[in-house]
Amino acid sequence: MKRRTGRPAADRSVRIDKVIGVNDGLAVTTRTLTKRFGQQVAVSGIDLGIPTGTVCGFVGPNGAGKTTTIRMLLGLIRPTSGTGTVLGHPLTDPAAYLGSVGALIEVTCV
């Protein structure tokens, strides 16, 4: 078996950060991200900082805002207020990052 040689993993992650344009080491950021549907508050002021290279899952009870938050991050719905970035691009420009992300929102089994 041939042993792989090269730079340590930390060096590779720095290189990936430069390629995807993430300057602060965070792949996802949100500041006071909020979504309302009429009078119903689905997501209330979420502040996130997810480091580049992290596999992240949202865990919580039904109605906690997990799916709504993911949908905002993917540009499927617009936040009522707040800001955020994905791979260094603002949530207002999902076309700039959607080719570089993947998500599984819900699976319905029949």
N, C-alpha and C. Protein backbone atom coordinates (compact mmCIF):
# COMPACT_ATOMS: atom_id res chain seq x y z
N MET A 1 0.84 -1.17 0.00
CA MET A 1 0.00 0.00 0.00
C MET A 1 0.89 1.23 0.00
N LYS A 2 0.62 2.12 -0.91
CA LYS A 2 1.42 3.34 -1.03
C LYS A 2 0.91 4.37 -0.03
N ARG A 3 1.81 4.94 0.69
CA ARG A 3 1.45 5.94 1.68
C ARG A 3 1.36 7.31 1.02
N ARG A 4 0.30 8.02 1.34
CA ARG A 4 0.13 9.38 0.81
C ARG A 4 1.00 10.35 1.57
N THR A 5 1.59 11.23 0.84
CA THR A 5 2.39 12.28 1.48
C THR A 5 1.84 13.62 1.05
N GLY A 6 2.17 14.63 1.77
CA GLY A 6 1.69 15.97 1.42
C GLY A 6 1.59 16.82 2.65
N ARG A 7 0.92 17.93 2.47
CA ARG A 7 0.78 18.85 3.58
C ARG A 7 -0.18 18.32 4.63
N PRO A 8 0.01 18.73 5.88
CA PRO A 8 -0.93 18.32 6.93
C PRO A 8 -2.33 18.84 6.63
N ALA A 9 -3.35 18.21 7.23
CA ALA A 9 -4.75 18.57 6.99
C ALA A 9 -5.01 20.05 7.26
N ALA A 10 -4.40 20.61 8.28
CA ALA A 10 -4.63 22.02 8.60
C ALA A 10 -4.22 22.91 7.43
N ASP A 11 -3.11 22.59 6.80
CA ASP A 11 -2.67 23.37 5.64
C ASP A 11 -3.64 23.25 4.48
N ARG A 12 -4.18 22.06 4.26
CA ARG A 12 -5.16 21.87 3.18
C ARG A 12 -6.40 22.70 3.43
N SER A 13 -6.87 22.77 4.68
CA SER A 13 -8.09 23.53 4.96
C SER A 13 -7.87 25.01 4.73
N VAL A 14 -6.68 25.51 5.01
CA VAL A 14 -6.39 26.91 4.73
C VAL A 14 -6.47 27.15 3.23
N ARG A 15 -5.93 26.24 2.45
CA ARG A 15 -5.98 26.38 1.00
C ARG A 15 -7.42 26.37 0.51
N ILE A 16 -8.25 25.48 1.04
CA ILE A 16 -9.65 25.43 0.65
C ILE A 16 -10.34 26.73 0.99
N ASP A 17 -10.07 27.30 2.16
CA ASP A 17 -10.65 28.59 2.53
C ASP A 17 -10.36 29.64 1.48
N LYS A 18 -9.13 29.66 0.99
CA LYS A 18 -8.76 30.66 -0.01
C LYS A 18 -9.49 30.43 -1.32
N VAL A 19 -9.65 29.18 -1.69
CA VAL A 19 -10.32 28.85 -2.95
C VAL A 19 -11.78 29.27 -2.92
N ILE A 20 -12.49 29.01 -1.82
CA ILE A 20 -13.90 29.32 -1.78
C ILE A 20 -14.18 30.73 -1.27
N GLY A 21 -13.17 31.47 -0.90
CA GLY A 21 -13.36 32.87 -0.53
C GLY A 21 -13.82 33.10 0.89
N VAL A 22 -13.56 32.16 1.78
CA VAL A 22 -13.95 32.35 3.17
C VAL A 22 -12.73 32.89 3.91
N ASN A 23 -12.83 34.14 4.34
CA ASN A 23 -11.67 34.80 4.94
C ASN A 23 -11.56 34.55 6.44
N ASP A 24 -12.67 34.37 7.12
CA ASP A 24 -12.65 34.25 8.56
C ASP A 24 -12.70 32.81 9.06
N GLY A 25 -12.61 31.83 8.14
CA GLY A 25 -12.66 30.44 8.53
C GLY A 25 -14.06 29.91 8.78
N LEU A 26 -15.07 30.73 8.51
CA LEU A 26 -16.45 30.31 8.72
C LEU A 26 -17.15 30.09 7.39
N ALA A 27 -17.72 28.92 7.22
CA ALA A 27 -18.45 28.62 5.99
C ALA A 27 -19.84 29.24 6.02
N VAL A 28 -20.45 29.31 7.19
CA VAL A 28 -21.78 29.88 7.35
C VAL A 28 -21.78 30.85 8.52
N THR A 29 -22.35 32.03 8.30
CA THR A 29 -22.55 32.98 9.39
C THR A 29 -23.95 33.54 9.30
N THR A 30 -24.56 33.79 10.44
CA THR A 30 -25.82 34.53 10.48
C THR A 30 -25.77 35.49 11.66
N ARG A 31 -26.45 36.60 11.50
CA ARG A 31 -26.57 37.59 12.56
C ARG A 31 -28.03 37.99 12.67
N THR A 32 -28.62 37.69 13.80
CA THR A 32 -30.02 37.99 14.11
C THR A 32 -30.97 37.57 12.99
N LEU A 33 -30.73 36.41 12.40
CA LEU A 33 -31.56 35.91 11.31
C LEU A 33 -32.95 35.56 11.86
N THR A 34 -33.96 36.15 11.24
CA THR A 34 -35.34 36.01 11.71
C THR A 34 -36.26 35.75 10.53
N LYS A 35 -37.26 34.89 10.75
CA LYS A 35 -38.29 34.65 9.74
C LYS A 35 -39.65 34.61 10.43
N ARG A 36 -40.55 35.42 9.90
CA ARG A 36 -41.94 35.46 10.38
C ARG A 36 -42.85 35.05 9.24
N PHE A 37 -43.90 34.35 9.58
CA PHE A 37 -44.99 34.05 8.66
C PHE A 37 -46.22 34.69 9.27
N GLY A 38 -46.56 35.89 8.79
CA GLY A 38 -47.64 36.65 9.42
C GLY A 38 -47.22 37.02 10.83
N GLN A 39 -48.05 36.69 11.80
CA GLN A 39 -47.74 36.96 13.21
C GLN A 39 -46.88 35.87 13.85
N GLN A 40 -46.76 34.73 13.16
CA GLN A 40 -46.00 33.59 13.70
C GLN A 40 -44.51 33.78 13.47
N VAL A 41 -43.72 33.73 14.53
CA VAL A 41 -42.26 33.80 14.43
C VAL A 41 -41.73 32.38 14.32
N ALA A 42 -41.16 32.04 13.16
CA ALA A 42 -40.62 30.69 12.95
C ALA A 42 -39.17 30.59 13.41
N VAL A 43 -38.40 31.64 13.17
CA VAL A 43 -36.99 31.70 13.57
C VAL A 43 -36.77 33.08 14.18
N SER A 44 -36.18 33.11 15.35
CA SER A 44 -36.05 34.38 16.08
C SER A 44 -34.60 34.71 16.41
N GLY A 45 -33.99 35.56 15.58
CA GLY A 45 -32.68 36.13 15.90
C GLY A 45 -31.54 35.15 16.04
N ILE A 46 -31.39 34.23 15.11
CA ILE A 46 -30.33 33.22 15.21
C ILE A 46 -28.98 33.81 14.81
N ASP A 47 -27.98 33.59 15.65
CA ASP A 47 -26.59 33.93 15.36
C ASP A 47 -25.82 32.61 15.23
N LEU A 48 -25.27 32.36 14.04
CA LEU A 48 -24.51 31.13 13.79
C LEU A 48 -23.12 31.46 13.29
N GLY A 49 -22.19 30.59 13.58
CA GLY A 49 -20.86 30.63 12.99
C GLY A 49 -20.40 29.19 12.82
N ILE A 50 -20.50 28.66 11.60
CA ILE A 50 -20.13 27.27 11.34
C ILE A 50 -18.80 27.24 10.60
N PRO A 51 -17.76 26.67 11.19
CA PRO A 51 -16.44 26.66 10.58
C PRO A 51 -16.40 25.87 9.27
N THR A 52 -15.54 26.30 8.39
CA THR A 52 -15.30 25.60 7.13
C THR A 52 -14.85 24.17 7.41
N GLY A 53 -15.38 23.22 6.66
CA GLY A 53 -15.01 21.83 6.81
C GLY A 53 -15.82 21.07 7.84
N THR A 54 -16.76 21.73 8.48
CA THR A 54 -17.58 21.11 9.51
C THR A 54 -18.82 20.48 8.89
N VAL A 55 -19.16 19.29 9.35
CA VAL A 55 -20.44 18.69 9.01
C VAL A 55 -21.38 19.06 10.14
N CYS A 56 -22.48 19.69 9.78
CA CYS A 56 -23.37 20.25 10.80
C CYS A 56 -24.77 19.70 10.63
N GLY A 57 -25.42 19.38 11.72
CA GLY A 57 -26.82 18.97 11.70
C GLY A 57 -27.59 19.81 12.70
N PHE A 58 -28.83 20.09 12.38
CA PHE A 58 -29.70 20.83 13.29
C PHE A 58 -30.58 19.81 14.01
N VAL A 59 -30.59 19.87 15.32
CA VAL A 59 -31.37 18.95 16.12
C VAL A 59 -32.27 19.76 17.03
N GLY A 60 -33.52 19.36 17.10
CA GLY A 60 -34.46 20.05 17.98
C GLY A 60 -35.86 19.53 17.76
N PRO A 61 -36.78 19.98 18.61
CA PRO A 61 -38.16 19.50 18.50
C PRO A 61 -38.85 20.05 17.25
N ASN A 62 -39.95 19.41 16.87
CA ASN A 62 -40.75 19.90 15.76
C ASN A 62 -41.16 21.35 16.03
N GLY A 63 -41.08 22.17 15.00
CA GLY A 63 -41.49 23.56 15.13
C GLY A 63 -40.41 24.48 15.67
N ALA A 64 -39.20 23.98 15.85
CA ALA A 64 -38.12 24.79 16.42
C ALA A 64 -37.49 25.75 15.40
N GLY A 65 -37.77 25.55 14.10
CA GLY A 65 -37.21 26.43 13.08
C GLY A 65 -36.04 25.87 12.32
N LYS A 66 -35.78 24.58 12.47
CA LYS A 66 -34.64 23.96 11.80
C LYS A 66 -34.77 24.03 10.28
N THR A 67 -35.88 23.55 9.75
CA THR A 67 -36.09 23.54 8.30
C THR A 67 -36.16 24.95 7.75
N THR A 68 -36.82 25.83 8.45
CA THR A 68 -36.91 27.23 8.01
C THR A 68 -35.53 27.86 7.92
N THR A 69 -34.67 27.59 8.89
CA THR A 69 -33.32 28.14 8.86
C THR A 69 -32.54 27.61 7.66
N ILE A 70 -32.60 26.31 7.41
CA ILE A 70 -31.91 25.73 6.25
C ILE A 70 -32.45 26.33 4.96
N ARG A 71 -33.75 26.48 4.87
CA ARG A 71 -34.34 27.07 3.66
C ARG A 71 -33.87 28.49 3.44
N MET A 72 -33.70 29.25 4.51
CA MET A 72 -33.15 30.61 4.36
C MET A 72 -31.71 30.55 3.88
N LEU A 73 -30.91 29.64 4.45
CA LEU A 73 -29.51 29.52 4.06
C LEU A 73 -29.36 29.10 2.60
N LEU A 74 -30.32 28.32 2.09
CA LEU A 74 -30.26 27.86 0.70
C LEU A 74 -30.92 28.83 -0.27
N GLY A 75 -31.49 29.91 0.24
CA GLY A 75 -32.13 30.89 -0.64
C GLY A 75 -33.50 30.48 -1.11
N LEU A 76 -34.10 29.47 -0.49
CA LEU A 76 -35.43 29.03 -0.88
C LEU A 76 -36.52 29.96 -0.35
N ILE A 77 -36.25 30.60 0.78
CA ILE A 77 -37.13 31.64 1.32
C ILE A 77 -36.24 32.78 1.82
N ARG A 78 -36.80 33.97 1.85
CA ARG A 78 -36.04 35.14 2.31
C ARG A 78 -36.27 35.39 3.80
N PRO A 79 -35.21 35.75 4.51
CA PRO A 79 -35.39 36.11 5.91
C PRO A 79 -36.25 37.38 6.02
N THR A 80 -36.99 37.48 7.10
CA THR A 80 -37.72 38.71 7.39
C THR A 80 -36.75 39.80 7.79
N SER A 81 -35.73 39.42 8.57
CA SER A 81 -34.68 40.36 8.96
C SER A 81 -33.42 39.58 9.30
N GLY A 82 -32.34 40.31 9.48
CA GLY A 82 -31.06 39.70 9.78
C GLY A 82 -30.23 39.52 8.52
N THR A 83 -28.99 39.08 8.73
CA THR A 83 -28.07 38.90 7.62
C THR A 83 -27.35 37.56 7.77
N GLY A 84 -26.67 37.17 6.70
CA GLY A 84 -25.90 35.95 6.76
C GLY A 84 -25.05 35.78 5.52
N THR A 85 -24.11 34.84 5.62
CA THR A 85 -23.27 34.50 4.48
C THR A 85 -23.11 32.99 4.42
N VAL A 86 -22.92 32.49 3.20
CA VAL A 86 -22.57 31.10 2.98
C VAL A 86 -21.37 31.11 2.05
N LEU A 87 -20.27 30.52 2.49
CA LEU A 87 -19.01 30.50 1.74
C LEU A 87 -18.57 31.90 1.32
N GLY A 88 -18.82 32.86 2.19
CA GLY A 88 -18.38 34.24 1.95
C GLY A 88 -19.33 35.07 1.11
N HIS A 89 -20.43 34.48 0.65
CA HIS A 89 -21.41 35.20 -0.17
C HIS A 89 -22.65 35.50 0.66
N PRO A 90 -23.28 36.65 0.44
CA PRO A 90 -24.47 37.00 1.22
C PRO A 90 -25.65 36.09 0.87
N LEU A 91 -26.53 35.91 1.83
CA LEU A 91 -27.73 35.10 1.61
C LEU A 91 -28.58 35.66 0.48
N THR A 92 -28.43 36.92 0.18
CA THR A 92 -29.19 37.55 -0.89
C THR A 92 -28.71 37.13 -2.28
N ASP A 93 -27.60 36.39 -2.37
CA ASP A 93 -27.05 35.94 -3.66
C ASP A 93 -26.77 34.44 -3.63
N PRO A 94 -27.81 33.61 -3.47
CA PRO A 94 -27.58 32.17 -3.36
C PRO A 94 -26.98 31.55 -4.61
N ALA A 95 -27.18 32.13 -5.76
CA ALA A 95 -26.60 31.57 -7.00
C ALA A 95 -25.07 31.53 -6.92
N ALA A 96 -24.48 32.39 -6.10
CA ALA A 96 -23.03 32.45 -5.97
C ALA A 96 -22.46 31.26 -5.20
N TYR A 97 -23.27 30.59 -4.38
CA TYR A 97 -22.73 29.50 -3.57
C TYR A 97 -23.47 28.17 -3.71
N LEU A 98 -24.63 28.14 -4.31
CA LEU A 98 -25.40 26.89 -4.35
C LEU A 98 -24.69 25.77 -5.07
N GLY A 99 -23.84 26.07 -6.02
CA GLY A 99 -23.08 25.03 -6.71
C GLY A 99 -22.03 24.36 -5.84
N SER A 100 -21.78 24.92 -4.67
CA SER A 100 -20.74 24.39 -3.78
C SER A 100 -21.27 23.81 -2.48
N VAL A 101 -22.59 23.75 -2.31
CA VAL A 101 -23.16 23.24 -1.07
C VAL A 101 -24.14 22.10 -1.36
N GLY A 102 -24.43 21.34 -0.34
CA GLY A 102 -25.43 20.30 -0.44
C GLY A 102 -26.23 20.26 0.85
N ALA A 103 -27.49 19.90 0.74
CA ALA A 103 -28.34 19.84 1.92
C ALA A 103 -29.43 18.81 1.71
N LEU A 104 -29.81 18.17 2.79
CA LEU A 104 -30.96 17.27 2.79
C LEU A 104 -31.93 17.87 3.79
N ILE A 105 -33.01 18.43 3.26
CA ILE A 105 -33.94 19.16 4.14
C ILE A 105 -34.90 18.19 4.82
N GLU A 106 -35.65 17.41 4.06
CA GLU A 106 -36.61 16.47 4.63
C GLU A 106 -36.72 15.25 3.73
N VAL A 107 -36.98 14.15 4.33
CA VAL A 107 -37.26 12.93 3.56
C VAL A 107 -38.61 12.41 4.04
N THR A 108 -39.52 12.25 3.12
CA THR A 108 -40.83 11.70 3.45
C THR A 108 -40.88 10.26 2.98
N CYS A 109 -41.17 9.36 3.88
CA CYS A 109 -41.27 7.94 3.53
C CYS A 109 -42.73 7.55 3.42
N VAL A 110 -43.02 6.78 2.40
CA VAL A 110 -44.41 6.33 2.19
C VAL A 110 -44.49 4.85 2.43
